[in-house]
């Protein structure tokens, strides 16, 4: 079901899962059993693929409440430790320091990236 009240679904995967459930429960008298079974098998495979994609995305992008160390941030952003140190020294990324080890919140990294989105200018 699509919510038209302004709220958006959590993910595209939620919409796809909803579609899969709708079609799986939709067997009419006019549909031959073998066609229905083919559709059901294809949807089951599609669902498995969505789960694998979602799992890979979850591994790549931690939840916003997660704390990350410099290795994880450098890997995520594709930058060196020195570049990350520079960002921290210039106050671009908030951090916490515990016993000499520096941690960053995933939400702060995402906010930083969101604030630096470059959009292509329209041609006139």
PDB file of N, CA and C in Angstrom:
ATOM      1  N   UNK A   1       0.839  -1.170   0.000  1.00  0.00           N
ATOM      2  CA  UNK A   1       0.000   0.000   0.000  1.00  0.00           C
ATOM      3  C   UNK A   1       0.891   1.242   0.000  1.00  0.00           C
ATOM      4  N   UNK A   2       0.586   2.207  -0.840  1.00  0.00           N
ATOM      5  CA  UNK A   2       1.345   3.451  -0.903  1.00  0.00           C
ATOM      6  C   UNK A   2       0.648   4.487  -0.039  1.00  0.00           C
ATOM      7  N   UNK A   3       1.393   5.088   0.853  1.00  0.00           N
ATOM      8  CA  UNK A   3       0.849   6.102   1.745  1.00  0.00           C
ATOM      9  C   UNK A   3       0.923   7.450   1.050  1.00  0.00           C
ATOM     10  N   UNK A   4      -0.204   8.033   0.753  1.00  0.00           N
ATOM     11  CA  UNK A   4      -0.223   9.322   0.069  1.00  0.00           C
ATOM     12  C   UNK A   4      -0.395  10.483   1.046  1.00  0.00           C
ATOM     13  N   UNK A   5      -0.264  10.208   2.336  1.00  0.00           N
ATOM     14  CA  UNK A   5      -0.440  11.235   3.344  1.00  0.00           C
ATOM     15  C   UNK A   5       0.822  12.030   3.637  1.00  0.00           C
ATOM     16  N   UNK A   6       1.828  11.931   2.792  1.00  0.00           N
ATOM     17  CA  UNK A   6       3.040  12.701   2.987  1.00  0.00           C
ATOM     18  C   UNK A   6       4.187  11.877   3.534  1.00  0.00           C
ATOM     19  N   UNK A   7       3.911  10.793   4.226  1.00  0.00           N
ATOM     20  CA  UNK A   7       4.974   9.949   4.762  1.00  0.00           C
ATOM     21  C   UNK A   7       5.522   9.077   3.642  1.00  0.00           C
ATOM     22  N   UNK A   8       6.821   8.880   3.636  1.00  0.00           N
ATOM     23  CA  UNK A   8       7.422   8.056   2.600  1.00  0.00           C
ATOM     24  C   UNK A   8       7.777   6.697   3.180  1.00  0.00           C
ATOM     25  N   UNK A   9       7.764   5.661   2.363  1.00  0.00           N
ATOM     26  CA  UNK A   9       8.142   4.343   2.860  1.00  0.00           C
ATOM     27  C   UNK A   9       9.606   4.347   3.275  1.00  0.00           C
ATOM     28  N   UNK A  10       9.957   3.433   4.169  1.00  0.00           N
ATOM     29  CA  UNK A  10      11.320   3.397   4.695  1.00  0.00           C
ATOM     30  C   UNK A  10      12.333   3.178   3.576  1.00  0.00           C
ATOM     31  N   UNK A  11      12.068   2.270   2.676  1.00  0.00           N
ATOM     32  CA  UNK A  11      13.000   2.004   1.582  1.00  0.00           C
ATOM     33  C   UNK A  11      12.246   1.549   0.348  1.00  0.00           C
ATOM     34  N   UNK A  12      12.946   1.548  -0.752  1.00  0.00           N
ATOM     35  CA  UNK A  12      12.392   0.995  -1.988  1.00  0.00           C
ATOM     36  C   UNK A  12      12.128  -0.488  -1.786  1.00  0.00           C
ATOM     37  N   UNK A  13      12.985  -1.111  -0.967  1.00  0.00           N
ATOM     38  CA  UNK A  13      12.819  -2.537  -0.707  1.00  0.00           C
ATOM     39  C   UNK A  13      11.478  -2.815  -0.044  1.00  0.00           C
ATOM     40  N   UNK A  14      11.010  -1.918   0.821  1.00  0.00           N
ATOM     41  CA  UNK A  14       9.706  -2.107   1.454  1.00  0.00           C
ATOM     42  C   UNK A  14       8.590  -2.113   0.410  1.00  0.00           C
ATOM     43  N   UNK A  15       8.687  -1.215  -0.567  1.00  0.00           N
ATOM     44  CA  UNK A  15       7.683  -1.191  -1.637  1.00  0.00           C
ATOM     45  C   UNK A  15       7.725  -2.474  -2.448  1.00  0.00           C
ATOM     46  N   UNK A  16       8.933  -2.938  -2.768  1.00  0.00           N
ATOM     47  CA  UNK A  16       9.068  -4.169  -3.548  1.00  0.00           C
ATOM     48  C   UNK A  16       8.522  -5.364  -2.784  1.00  0.00           C
ATOM     49  N   UNK A  17       8.824  -5.425  -1.489  1.00  0.00           N
ATOM     50  CA  UNK A  17       8.286  -6.527  -0.682  1.00  0.00           C
ATOM     51  C   UNK A  17       6.765  -6.490  -0.668  1.00  0.00           C
ATOM     52  N   UNK A  18       6.197  -5.295  -0.567  1.00  0.00           N
ATOM     53  CA  UNK A  18       4.743  -5.160  -0.596  1.00  0.00           C
ATOM     54  C   UNK A  18       4.163  -5.642  -1.912  1.00  0.00           C
ATOM     55  N   UNK A  19       4.829  -5.313  -3.000  1.00  0.00           N
ATOM     56  CA  UNK A  19       4.392  -5.759  -4.319  1.00  0.00           C
ATOM     57  C   UNK A  19       4.462  -7.273  -4.425  1.00  0.00           C
ATOM     58  N   UNK A  20       5.546  -7.836  -3.923  1.00  0.00           N
ATOM     59  CA  UNK A  20       5.697  -9.295  -3.947  1.00  0.00           C
ATOM     60  C   UNK A  20       4.559  -9.956  -3.184  1.00  0.00           C
ATOM     61  N   UNK A  21       4.256  -9.449  -1.999  1.00  0.00           N
ATOM     62  CA  UNK A  21       3.174 -10.030  -1.201  1.00  0.00           C
ATOM     63  C   UNK A  21       1.829  -9.911  -1.908  1.00  0.00           C
ATOM     64  N   UNK A  22       1.583  -8.760  -2.541  1.00  0.00           N
ATOM     65  CA  UNK A  22       0.310  -8.566  -3.259  1.00  0.00           C
ATOM     66  C   UNK A  22       0.152  -9.567  -4.390  1.00  0.00           C
ATOM     67  N   UNK A  23       1.195  -9.721  -5.195  1.00  0.00           N
ATOM     68  CA  UNK A  23       1.105 -10.629  -6.343  1.00  0.00           C
ATOM     69  C   UNK A  23       1.030 -12.074  -5.878  1.00  0.00           C
ATOM     70  N   UNK A  24       1.755 -12.416  -4.815  1.00  0.00           N
ATOM     71  CA  UNK A  24       1.722 -13.793  -4.331  1.00  0.00           C
ATOM     72  C   UNK A  24       0.338 -14.181  -3.830  1.00  0.00           C
ATOM     73  N   UNK A  25      -0.403 -13.243  -3.314  1.00  0.00           N
ATOM     74  CA  UNK A  25      -1.744 -13.561  -2.819  1.00  0.00           C
ATOM     75  C   UNK A  25      -2.812 -13.415  -3.897  1.00  0.00           C
ATOM     76  N   UNK A  26      -2.407 -13.011  -5.088  1.00  0.00           N
ATOM     77  CA  UNK A  26      -3.354 -12.733  -6.162  1.00  0.00           C
ATOM     78  C   UNK A  26      -3.389 -13.903  -7.145  1.00  0.00           C
ATOM     79  N   UNK A  27      -4.218 -14.857  -6.893  1.00  0.00           N
ATOM     80  CA  UNK A  27      -4.384 -15.958  -7.848  1.00  0.00           C
ATOM     81  C   UNK A  27      -5.846 -15.965  -8.260  1.00  0.00           C
ATOM     82  N   UNK A  28      -6.056 -15.703  -9.530  1.00  0.00           N
ATOM     83  CA  UNK A  28      -7.433 -15.671 -10.016  1.00  0.00           C
ATOM     84  C   UNK A  28      -7.763 -16.984 -10.711  1.00  0.00           C
ATOM     85  N   UNK A  29      -9.036 -17.213 -10.932  1.00  0.00           N
ATOM     86  CA  UNK A  29      -9.484 -18.413 -11.628  1.00  0.00           C
ATOM     87  C   UNK A  29      -9.042 -18.404 -13.081  1.00  0.00           C
ATOM     88  N   UNK A  30      -8.752 -17.207 -13.610  1.00  0.00           N
ATOM     89  CA  UNK A  30      -8.383 -17.093 -15.019  1.00  0.00           C
ATOM     90  C   UNK A  30      -6.903 -17.386 -15.260  1.00  0.00           C
ATOM     91  N   UNK A  31      -6.131 -17.444 -14.199  1.00  0.00           N
ATOM     92  CA  UNK A  31      -4.700 -17.681 -14.354  1.00  0.00           C
ATOM     93  C   UNK A  31      -4.425 -19.172 -14.242  1.00  0.00           C
ATOM     94  N   UNK A  32      -3.712 -19.691 -15.206  1.00  0.00           N
ATOM     95  CA  UNK A  32      -3.365 -21.110 -15.161  1.00  0.00           C
ATOM     96  C   UNK A  32      -2.389 -21.352 -14.014  1.00  0.00           C
ATOM     97  N   UNK A  33      -2.486 -22.512 -13.413  1.00  0.00           N
ATOM     98  CA  UNK A  33      -1.664 -22.837 -12.258  1.00  0.00           C
ATOM     99  C   UNK A  33      -0.179 -22.763 -12.578  1.00  0.00           C
ATOM    100  N   UNK A  34       0.241 -23.241 -13.752  1.00  0.00           N
ATOM    101  CA  UNK A  34       1.670 -23.207 -14.068  1.00  0.00           C
ATOM    102  C   UNK A  34       2.177 -21.769 -14.242  1.00  0.00           C
ATOM    103  N   UNK A  35       1.365 -20.876 -14.793  1.00  0.00           N
ATOM    104  CA  UNK A  35       1.760 -19.469 -14.904  1.00  0.00           C
ATOM    105  C   UNK A  35       1.873 -18.838 -13.518  1.00  0.00           C
ATOM    106  N   UNK A  36       0.924 -19.159 -12.662  1.00  0.00           N
ATOM    107  CA  UNK A  36       0.957 -18.632 -11.298  1.00  0.00           C
ATOM    108  C   UNK A  36       2.214 -19.117 -10.577  1.00  0.00           C
ATOM    109  N   UNK A  37       2.556 -20.392 -10.744  1.00  0.00           N
ATOM    110  CA  UNK A  37       3.746 -20.947 -10.097  1.00  0.00           C
ATOM    111  C   UNK A  37       5.012 -20.279 -10.630  1.00  0.00           C
ATOM    112  N   UNK A  38       5.063 -19.999 -11.932  1.00  0.00           N
ATOM    113  CA  UNK A  38       6.225 -19.324 -12.512  1.00  0.00           C
ATOM    114  C   UNK A  38       6.377 -17.917 -11.932  1.00  0.00           C
ATOM    115  N   UNK A  39       5.265 -17.224 -11.814  1.00  0.00           N
ATOM    116  CA  UNK A  39       5.301 -15.877 -11.236  1.00  0.00           C
ATOM    117  C   UNK A  39       5.755 -15.943  -9.791  1.00  0.00           C
ATOM    118  N   UNK A  40       5.218 -16.893  -9.058  1.00  0.00           N
ATOM    119  CA  UNK A  40       5.568 -17.027  -7.646  1.00  0.00           C
ATOM    120  C   UNK A  40       7.057 -17.359  -7.476  1.00  0.00           C
ATOM    121  N   UNK A  41       7.597 -18.222  -8.331  1.00  0.00           N
ATOM    122  CA  UNK A  41       9.016 -18.575  -8.252  1.00  0.00           C
ATOM    123  C   UNK A  41       9.892 -17.361  -8.606  1.00  0.00           C
ATOM    124  N   UNK A  42       9.494 -16.622  -9.625  1.00  0.00           N
ATOM    125  CA  UNK A  42      10.257 -15.434 -10.015  1.00  0.00           C
ATOM    126  C   UNK A  42      10.247 -14.395  -8.897  1.00  0.00           C
ATOM    127  N   UNK A  43       9.106 -14.216  -8.261  1.00  0.00           N
ATOM    128  CA  UNK A  43       9.014 -13.254  -7.157  1.00  0.00           C
ATOM    129  C   UNK A  43       9.832 -13.702  -5.950  1.00  0.00           C
ATOM    130  N   UNK A  44       9.852 -14.999  -5.698  1.00  0.00           N
ATOM    131  CA  UNK A  44      10.659 -15.506  -4.583  1.00  0.00           C
ATOM    132  C   UNK A  44      12.139 -15.238  -4.853  1.00  0.00           C
ATOM    133  N   UNK A  45      12.590 -15.456  -6.075  1.00  0.00           N
ATOM    134  CA  UNK A  45      13.984 -15.179  -6.437  1.00  0.00           C
ATOM    135  C   UNK A  45      14.282 -13.678  -6.331  1.00  0.00           C
ATOM    136  N   UNK A  46      13.340 -12.870  -6.773  1.00  0.00           N
ATOM    137  CA  UNK A  46      13.492 -11.417  -6.669  1.00  0.00           C
ATOM    138  C   UNK A  46      13.619 -11.001  -5.206  1.00  0.00           C
ATOM    139  N   UNK A  47      12.815 -11.582  -4.349  1.00  0.00           N
ATOM    140  CA  UNK A  47      12.882 -11.286  -2.918  1.00  0.00           C
ATOM    141  C   UNK A  47      14.230 -11.657  -2.323  1.00  0.00           C
ATOM    142  N   UNK A  48      14.775 -12.803  -2.734  1.00  0.00           N
ATOM    143  CA  UNK A  48      16.095 -13.233  -2.245  1.00  0.00           C
ATOM    144  C   UNK A  48      17.174 -12.249  -2.692  1.00  0.00           C
ATOM    145  N   UNK A  49      17.074 -11.809  -3.938  1.00  0.00           N
ATOM    146  CA  UNK A  49      18.054 -10.834  -4.441  1.00  0.00           C
ATOM    147  C   UNK A  49      17.977  -9.527  -3.660  1.00  0.00           C
ATOM    148  N   UNK A  50      16.760  -9.081  -3.369  1.00  0.00           N
ATOM    149  CA  UNK A  50      16.598  -7.854  -2.573  1.00  0.00           C
ATOM    150  C   UNK A  50      17.229  -7.999  -1.196  1.00  0.00           C
ATOM    151  N   UNK A  51      17.063  -9.156  -0.587  1.00  0.00           N
ATOM    152  CA  UNK A  51      17.656  -9.386   0.732  1.00  0.00           C
ATOM    153  C   UNK A  51      19.175  -9.323   0.670  1.00  0.00           C
ATOM    154  N   UNK A  52      19.760  -9.904  -0.382  1.00  0.00           N
ATOM    155  CA  UNK A  52      21.228  -9.862  -0.515  1.00  0.00           C
ATOM    156  C   UNK A  52      21.715  -8.429  -0.728  1.00  0.00           C
ATOM    157  N   UNK A  53      21.014  -7.667  -1.548  1.00  0.00           N
ATOM    158  CA  UNK A  53      21.391  -6.272  -1.787  1.00  0.00           C
ATOM    159  C   UNK A  53      21.275  -5.468  -0.500  1.00  0.00           C
ATOM    160  N   UNK A  54      20.180  -5.649   0.208  1.00  0.00           N
ATOM    161  CA  UNK A  54      19.963  -4.926   1.457  1.00  0.00           C
ATOM    162  C   UNK A  54      21.037  -5.263   2.487  1.00  0.00           C
ATOM    163  N   UNK A  55      21.448  -6.531   2.554  1.00  0.00           N
ATOM    164  CA  UNK A  55      22.495  -6.940   3.489  1.00  0.00           C
ATOM    165  C   UNK A  55      23.827  -6.290   3.137  1.00  0.00           C
ATOM    166  N   UNK A  56      24.151  -6.221   1.850  1.00  0.00           N
ATOM    167  CA  UNK A  56      25.397  -5.576   1.431  1.00  0.00           C
ATOM    168  C   UNK A  56      25.367  -4.089   1.737  1.00  0.00           C
ATOM    169  N   UNK A  57      24.241  -3.455   1.526  1.00  0.00           N
ATOM    170  CA  UNK A  57      24.124  -2.027   1.838  1.00  0.00           C
ATOM    171  C   UNK A  57      24.267  -1.782   3.329  1.00  0.00           C
ATOM    172  N   UNK A  58      23.685  -2.656   4.131  1.00  0.00           N
ATOM    173  CA  UNK A  58      23.773  -2.506   5.584  1.00  0.00           C
ATOM    174  C   UNK A  58      25.223  -2.648   6.049  1.00  0.00           C
ATOM    175  N   UNK A  59      25.986  -3.513   5.399  1.00  0.00           N
ATOM    176  CA  UNK A  59      27.401  -3.675   5.747  1.00  0.00           C
ATOM    177  C   UNK A  59      28.202  -2.441   5.363  1.00  0.00           C
ATOM    178  N   UNK A  60      27.871  -1.846   4.215  1.00  0.00           N
ATOM    179  CA  UNK A  60      28.629  -0.711   3.705  1.00  0.00           C
ATOM    180  C   UNK A  60      28.341   0.590   4.439  1.00  0.00           C
ATOM    181  N   UNK A  61      27.104   0.787   4.829  1.00  0.00           N
ATOM    182  CA  UNK A  61      26.704   2.029   5.470  1.00  0.00           C
ATOM    183  C   UNK A  61      26.107   1.731   6.830  1.00  0.00           C
ATOM    184  N   UNK A  62      26.853   1.977   7.901  1.00  0.00           N
ATOM    185  CA  UNK A  62      26.359   1.700   9.245  1.00  0.00           C
ATOM    186  C   UNK A  62      25.157   2.586   9.586  1.00  0.00           C
ATOM    187  N   UNK A  63      24.431   2.184  10.606  1.00  0.00           N
ATOM    188  CA  UNK A  63      23.291   2.970  11.075  1.00  0.00           C
ATOM    189  C   UNK A  63      23.790   4.320  11.581  1.00  0.00           C
ATOM    190  N   UNK A  64      22.910   5.322  11.556  1.00  0.00           N
ATOM    191  CA  UNK A  64      23.307   6.676  11.944  1.00  0.00           C
ATOM    192  C   UNK A  64      23.768   6.774  13.392  1.00  0.00           C
ATOM    193  N   UNK A  65      23.438   5.830  14.233  1.00  0.00           N
ATOM    194  CA  UNK A  65      23.841   5.904  15.635  1.00  0.00           C
ATOM    195  C   UNK A  65      25.183   5.221  15.882  1.00  0.00           C
ATOM    196  N   UNK A  66      25.748   4.594  14.859  1.00  0.00           N
ATOM    197  CA  UNK A  66      27.008   3.888  15.025  1.00  0.00           C
ATOM    198  C   UNK A  66      28.178   4.858  15.152  1.00  0.00           C
ATOM    199  N   UNK A  67      29.174   4.439  15.935  1.00  0.00           N
ATOM    200  CA  UNK A  67      30.427   5.170  16.067  1.00  0.00           C
ATOM    201  C   UNK A  67      31.470   4.429  15.258  1.00  0.00           C
ATOM    202  N   UNK A  68      32.273   5.173  14.515  1.00  0.00           N
ATOM    203  CA  UNK A  68      33.252   4.591  13.614  1.00  0.00           C
ATOM    204  C   UNK A  68      34.647   5.106  13.943  1.00  0.00           C
ATOM    205  N   UNK A  69      35.659   4.268  13.700  1.00  0.00           N
ATOM    206  CA  UNK A  69      37.024   4.742  13.902  1.00  0.00           C
ATOM    207  C   UNK A  69      37.585   5.247  12.573  1.00  0.00           C
ATOM    208  N   UNK A  70      38.836   5.718  12.603  1.00  0.00           N
ATOM    209  CA  UNK A  70      39.395   6.335  11.403  1.00  0.00           C
ATOM    210  C   UNK A  70      39.500   5.354  10.234  1.00  0.00           C
ATOM    211  N   UNK A  71      39.761   4.084  10.501  1.00  0.00           N
ATOM    212  CA  UNK A  71      39.877   3.111   9.408  1.00  0.00           C
ATOM    213  C   UNK A  71      38.565   2.989   8.639  1.00  0.00           C
ATOM    214  N   UNK A  72      37.457   2.902   9.389  1.00  0.00           N
ATOM    215  CA  UNK A  72      36.151   2.758   8.745  1.00  0.00           C
ATOM    216  C   UNK A  72      35.779   4.008   7.945  1.00  0.00           C
ATOM    217  N   UNK A  73      36.061   5.179   8.513  1.00  0.00           N
ATOM    218  CA  UNK A  73      35.740   6.430   7.810  1.00  0.00           C
ATOM    219  C   UNK A  73      36.576   6.556   6.541  1.00  0.00           C
ATOM    220  N   UNK A  74      37.876   6.287   6.653  1.00  0.00           N
ATOM    221  CA  UNK A  74      38.760   6.377   5.490  1.00  0.00           C
ATOM    222  C   UNK A  74      38.319   5.420   4.393  1.00  0.00           C
ATOM    223  N   UNK A  75      37.922   4.211   4.768  1.00  0.00           N
ATOM    224  CA  UNK A  75      37.452   3.231   3.788  1.00  0.00           C
ATOM    225  C   UNK A  75      36.155   3.704   3.135  1.00  0.00           C
ATOM    226  N   UNK A  76      35.229   4.214   3.941  1.00  0.00           N
ATOM    227  CA  UNK A  76      33.941   4.680   3.410  1.00  0.00           C
ATOM    228  C   UNK A  76      34.111   5.834   2.435  1.00  0.00           C
ATOM    229  N   UNK A  77      34.986   6.792   2.792  1.00  0.00           N
ATOM    230  CA  UNK A  77      35.144   7.995   1.982  1.00  0.00           C
ATOM    231  C   UNK A  77      36.235   7.878   0.926  1.00  0.00           C
ATOM    232  N   UNK A  78      37.065   6.846   1.041  1.00  0.00           N
ATOM    233  CA  UNK A  78      38.155   6.681   0.087  1.00  0.00           C
ATOM    234  C   UNK A  78      39.229   7.749   0.258  1.00  0.00           C
ATOM    235  N   UNK A  79      39.539   8.100   1.517  1.00  0.00           N
ATOM    236  CA  UNK A  79      40.538   9.127   1.803  1.00  0.00           C
ATOM    237  C   UNK A  79      41.616   8.542   2.715  1.00  0.00           C
ATOM    238  N   UNK A  80      42.726   9.260   2.814  1.00  0.00           N
ATOM    239  CA  UNK A  80      43.814   8.821   3.680  1.00  0.00           C
ATOM    240  C   UNK A  80      43.546   9.259   5.119  1.00  0.00           C
ATOM    241  N   UNK A  81      44.294   8.666   6.038  1.00  0.00           N
ATOM    242  CA  UNK A  81      44.176   9.053   7.451  1.00  0.00           C
ATOM    243  C   UNK A  81      44.569  10.509   7.629  1.00  0.00           C
ATOM    244  N   UNK A  82      45.578  10.960   6.913  1.00  0.00           N
ATOM    245  CA  UNK A  82      46.020  12.361   7.018  1.00  0.00           C
ATOM    246  C   UNK A  82      44.917  13.326   6.562  1.00  0.00           C
ATOM    247  N   UNK A  83      44.221  12.985   5.499  1.00  0.00           N
ATOM    248  CA  UNK A  83      43.107  13.823   5.037  1.00  0.00           C
ATOM    249  C   UNK A  83      42.013  13.866   6.092  1.00  0.00           C
ATOM    250  N   UNK A  84      41.712  12.724   6.691  1.00  0.00           N
ATOM    251  CA  UNK A  84      40.705  12.681   7.749  1.00  0.00           C
ATOM    252  C   UNK A  84      41.151  13.522   8.947  1.00  0.00           C
ATOM    253  N   UNK A  85      42.430  13.425   9.306  1.00  0.00           N
ATOM    254  CA  UNK A  85      42.965  14.257  10.394  1.00  0.00           C
ATOM    255  C   UNK A  85      42.788  15.738  10.076  1.00  0.00           C
ATOM    256  N   UNK A  86      43.021  16.104   8.829  1.00  0.00           N
ATOM    257  CA  UNK A  86      42.855  17.496   8.398  1.00  0.00           C
ATOM    258  C   UNK A  86      41.400  17.947   8.542  1.00  0.00           C
ATOM    259  N   UNK A  87      40.470  17.085   8.136  1.00  0.00           N
ATOM    260  CA  UNK A  87      39.044  17.412   8.287  1.00  0.00           C
ATOM    261  C   UNK A  87      38.711  17.659   9.753  1.00  0.00           C
ATOM    262  N   UNK A  88      39.242  16.797  10.619  1.00  0.00           N
ATOM    263  CA  UNK A  88      38.982  16.927  12.053  1.00  0.00           C
ATOM    264  C   UNK A  88      39.600  18.219  12.596  1.00  0.00           C
ATOM    265  N   UNK A  89      40.844  18.500  12.227  1.00  0.00           N
ATOM    266  CA  UNK A  89      41.541  19.700  12.714  1.00  0.00           C
ATOM    267  C   UNK A  89      40.855  20.985  12.259  1.00  0.00           C
ATOM    268  N   UNK A  90      40.279  20.969  11.065  1.00  0.00           N
ATOM    269  CA  UNK A  90      39.588  22.157  10.546  1.00  0.00           C
ATOM    270  C   UNK A  90      38.146  22.248  11.050  1.00  0.00           C
ATOM    271  N   UNK A  91      37.721  21.255  11.845  1.00  0.00           N
ATOM    272  CA  UNK A  91      36.381  21.282  12.412  1.00  0.00           C
ATOM    273  C   UNK A  91      35.292  20.855  11.449  1.00  0.00           C
ATOM    274  N   UNK A  92      35.667  20.173  10.382  1.00  0.00           N
ATOM    275  CA  UNK A  92      34.676  19.746   9.393  1.00  0.00           C
ATOM    276  C   UNK A  92      33.881  18.538   9.864  1.00  0.00           C
ATOM    277  N   UNK A  93      34.512  17.678  10.669  1.00  0.00           N
ATOM    278  CA  UNK A  93      33.831  16.494  11.196  1.00  0.00           C
ATOM    279  C   UNK A  93      33.927  16.470  12.713  1.00  0.00           C
ATOM    280  N   UNK A  94      32.793  16.473  13.400  1.00  0.00           N
ATOM    281  CA  UNK A  94      32.817  16.343  14.855  1.00  0.00           C
ATOM    282  C   UNK A  94      33.347  14.962  15.249  1.00  0.00           C
ATOM    283  N   UNK A  95      33.929  14.859  16.424  1.00  0.00           N
ATOM    284  CA  UNK A  95      34.506  13.595  16.863  1.00  0.00           C
ATOM    285  C   UNK A  95      34.481  13.503  18.377  1.00  0.00           C
ATOM    286  N   UNK A  96      34.728  12.299  18.869  1.00  0.00           N
ATOM    287  CA  UNK A  96      34.910  12.054  20.300  1.00  0.00           C
ATOM    288  C   UNK A  96      36.226  11.322  20.453  1.00  0.00           C
ATOM    289  N   UNK A  97      36.900  11.605  21.554  1.00  0.00           N
ATOM    290  CA  UNK A  97      38.196  10.986  21.796  1.00  0.00           C
ATOM    291  C   UNK A  97      38.145  10.260  23.135  1.00  0.00           C
ATOM    292  N   UNK A  98      38.477   8.988  23.119  1.00  0.00           N
ATOM    293  CA  UNK A  98      38.477   8.176  24.333  1.00  0.00           C
ATOM    294  C   UNK A  98      39.830   7.479  24.411  1.00  0.00           C
ATOM    295  N   UNK A  99      40.586   7.796  25.448  1.00  0.00           N
ATOM    296  CA  UNK A  99      41.887   7.169  25.648  1.00  0.00           C
ATOM    297  C   UNK A  99      42.812   7.299  24.457  1.00  0.00           C
ATOM    298  N   UNK A 100      42.781   8.423  23.792  1.00  0.00           N
ATOM    299  CA  UNK A 100      43.664   8.652  22.653  1.00  0.00           C
ATOM    300  C   UNK A 100      43.125   8.139  21.325  1.00  0.00           C
ATOM    301  N   UNK A 101      42.014   7.432  21.348  1.00  0.00           N
ATOM    302  CA  UNK A 101      41.413   6.930  20.113  1.00  0.00           C
ATOM    303  C   UNK A 101      40.253   7.833  19.715  1.00  0.00           C
ATOM    304  N   UNK A 102      40.214   8.186  18.440  1.00  0.00           N
ATOM    305  CA  UNK A 102      39.207   9.108  17.919  1.00  0.00           C
ATOM    306  C   UNK A 102      38.085   8.318  17.262  1.00  0.00           C
ATOM    307  N   UNK A 103      36.841   8.720  17.562  1.00  0.00           N
ATOM    308  CA  UNK A 103      35.655   8.097  16.979  1.00  0.00           C
ATOM    309  C   UNK A 103      34.779   9.169  16.341  1.00  0.00           C
ATOM    310  N   UNK A 104      34.087   8.779  15.265  1.00  0.00           N
ATOM    311  CA  UNK A 104      33.184   9.671  14.549  1.00  0.00           C
ATOM    312  C   UNK A 104      31.815   9.007  14.485  1.00  0.00           C
ATOM    313  N   UNK A 105      30.766   9.822  14.567  1.00  0.00           N
ATOM    314  CA  UNK A 105      29.420   9.272  14.399  1.00  0.00           C
ATOM    315  C   UNK A 105      29.114   9.160  12.912  1.00  0.00           C
ATOM    316  N   UNK A 106      28.513   8.045  12.532  1.00  0.00           N
ATOM    317  CA  UNK A 106      28.139   7.838  11.131  1.00  0.00           C
ATOM    318  C   UNK A 106      27.193   8.940  10.661  1.00  0.00           C
ATOM    319  N   UNK A 107      26.312   9.402  11.542  1.00  0.00           N
ATOM    320  CA  UNK A 107      25.357  10.460  11.181  1.00  0.00           C
ATOM    321  C   UNK A 107      26.083  11.751  10.826  1.00  0.00           C
ATOM    322  N   UNK A 108      27.173  12.068  11.549  1.00  0.00           N
ATOM    323  CA  UNK A 108      27.933  13.282  11.251  1.00  0.00           C
ATOM    324  C   UNK A 108      28.622  13.189   9.895  1.00  0.00           C
ATOM    325  N   UNK A 109      29.118  12.004   9.567  1.00  0.00           N
ATOM    326  CA  UNK A 109      29.759  11.806   8.266  1.00  0.00           C
ATOM    327  C   UNK A 109      28.728  11.962   7.154  1.00  0.00           C
ATOM    328  N   UNK A 110      27.546  11.366   7.343  1.00  0.00           N
ATOM    329  CA  UNK A 110      26.482  11.494   6.345  1.00  0.00           C
ATOM    330  C   UNK A 110      26.040  12.945   6.195  1.00  0.00           C
ATOM    331  N   UNK A 111      25.915  13.653   7.304  1.00  0.00           N
ATOM    332  CA  UNK A 111      25.533  15.072   7.246  1.00  0.00           C
ATOM    333  C   UNK A 111      26.575  15.882   6.482  1.00  0.00           C
ATOM    334  N   UNK A 112      27.846  15.592   6.736  1.00  0.00           N
ATOM    335  CA  UNK A 112      28.924  16.290   6.030  1.00  0.00           C
ATOM    336  C   UNK A 112      28.823  16.036   4.530  1.00  0.00           C
ATOM    337  N   UNK A 113      28.623  14.782   4.149  1.00  0.00           N
ATOM    338  CA  UNK A 113      28.496  14.457   2.729  1.00  0.00           C
ATOM    339  C   UNK A 113      27.270  15.131   2.113  1.00  0.00           C
ATOM    340  N   UNK A 114      26.144  15.098   2.829  1.00  0.00           N
ATOM    341  CA  UNK A 114      24.924  15.730   2.325  1.00  0.00           C
ATOM    342  C   UNK A 114      25.097  17.233   2.118  1.00  0.00           C
ATOM    343  N   UNK A 115      25.877  17.875   2.988  1.00  0.00           N
ATOM    344  CA  UNK A 115      26.060  19.325   2.884  1.00  0.00           C
ATOM    345  C   UNK A 115      27.019  19.711   1.764  1.00  0.00           C
ATOM    346  N   UNK A 116      27.687  18.733   1.171  1.00  0.00           N
ATOM    347  CA  UNK A 116      28.638  19.022   0.102  1.00  0.00           C
ATOM    348  C   UNK A 116      28.228  18.417  -1.235  1.00  0.00           C
ATOM    349  N   UNK A 117      26.938  18.215  -1.410  1.00  0.00           N
ATOM    350  CA  UNK A 117      26.443  17.709  -2.687  1.00  0.00           C
ATOM    351  C   UNK A 117      26.566  18.811  -3.720  1.00  0.00           C
ATOM    352  N   UNK A 118      27.135  18.471  -4.858  1.00  0.00           N
ATOM    353  CA  UNK A 118      27.286  19.424  -5.944  1.00  0.00           C
ATOM    354  C   UNK A 118      26.274  19.082  -7.016  1.00  0.00           C
ATOM    355  N   UNK A 119      25.500  20.055  -7.390  1.00  0.00           N
ATOM    356  CA  UNK A 119      24.497  19.845  -8.429  1.00  0.00           C
ATOM    357  C   UNK A 119      24.959  20.542  -9.707  1.00  0.00           C
ATOM    358  N   UNK A 120      24.706  19.891 -10.819  1.00  0.00           N
ATOM    359  CA  UNK A 120      25.064  20.453 -12.106  1.00  0.00           C
ATOM    360  C   UNK A 120      24.159  21.637 -12.402  1.00  0.00           C
ATOM    361  N   UNK A 121      24.765  22.736 -12.826  1.00  0.00           N
ATOM    362  CA  UNK A 121      23.973  23.930 -13.130  1.00  0.00           C
ATOM    363  C   UNK A 121      23.215  23.719 -14.430  1.00  0.00           C
ATOM    364  N   UNK A 122      22.025  24.294 -14.470  1.00  0.00           N
ATOM    365  CA  UNK A 122      21.214  24.193 -15.679  1.00  0.00           C
ATOM    366  C   UNK A 122      21.778  25.094 -16.755  1.00  0.00           C
ATOM    367  N   UNK A 123      21.737  24.612 -17.990  1.00  0.00           N
ATOM    368  CA  UNK A 123      22.175  25.433 -19.119  1.00  0.00           C
ATOM    369  C   UNK A 123      21.061  26.384 -19.501  1.00  0.00           C
ATOM    370  N   UNK A 124      21.438  27.550 -19.928  1.00  0.00           N
ATOM    371  CA  UNK A 124      20.427  28.546 -20.349  1.00  0.00           C
ATOM    372  C   UNK A 124      20.386  28.688 -21.838  1.00  0.00           C
TER     373      UNK A 124
END
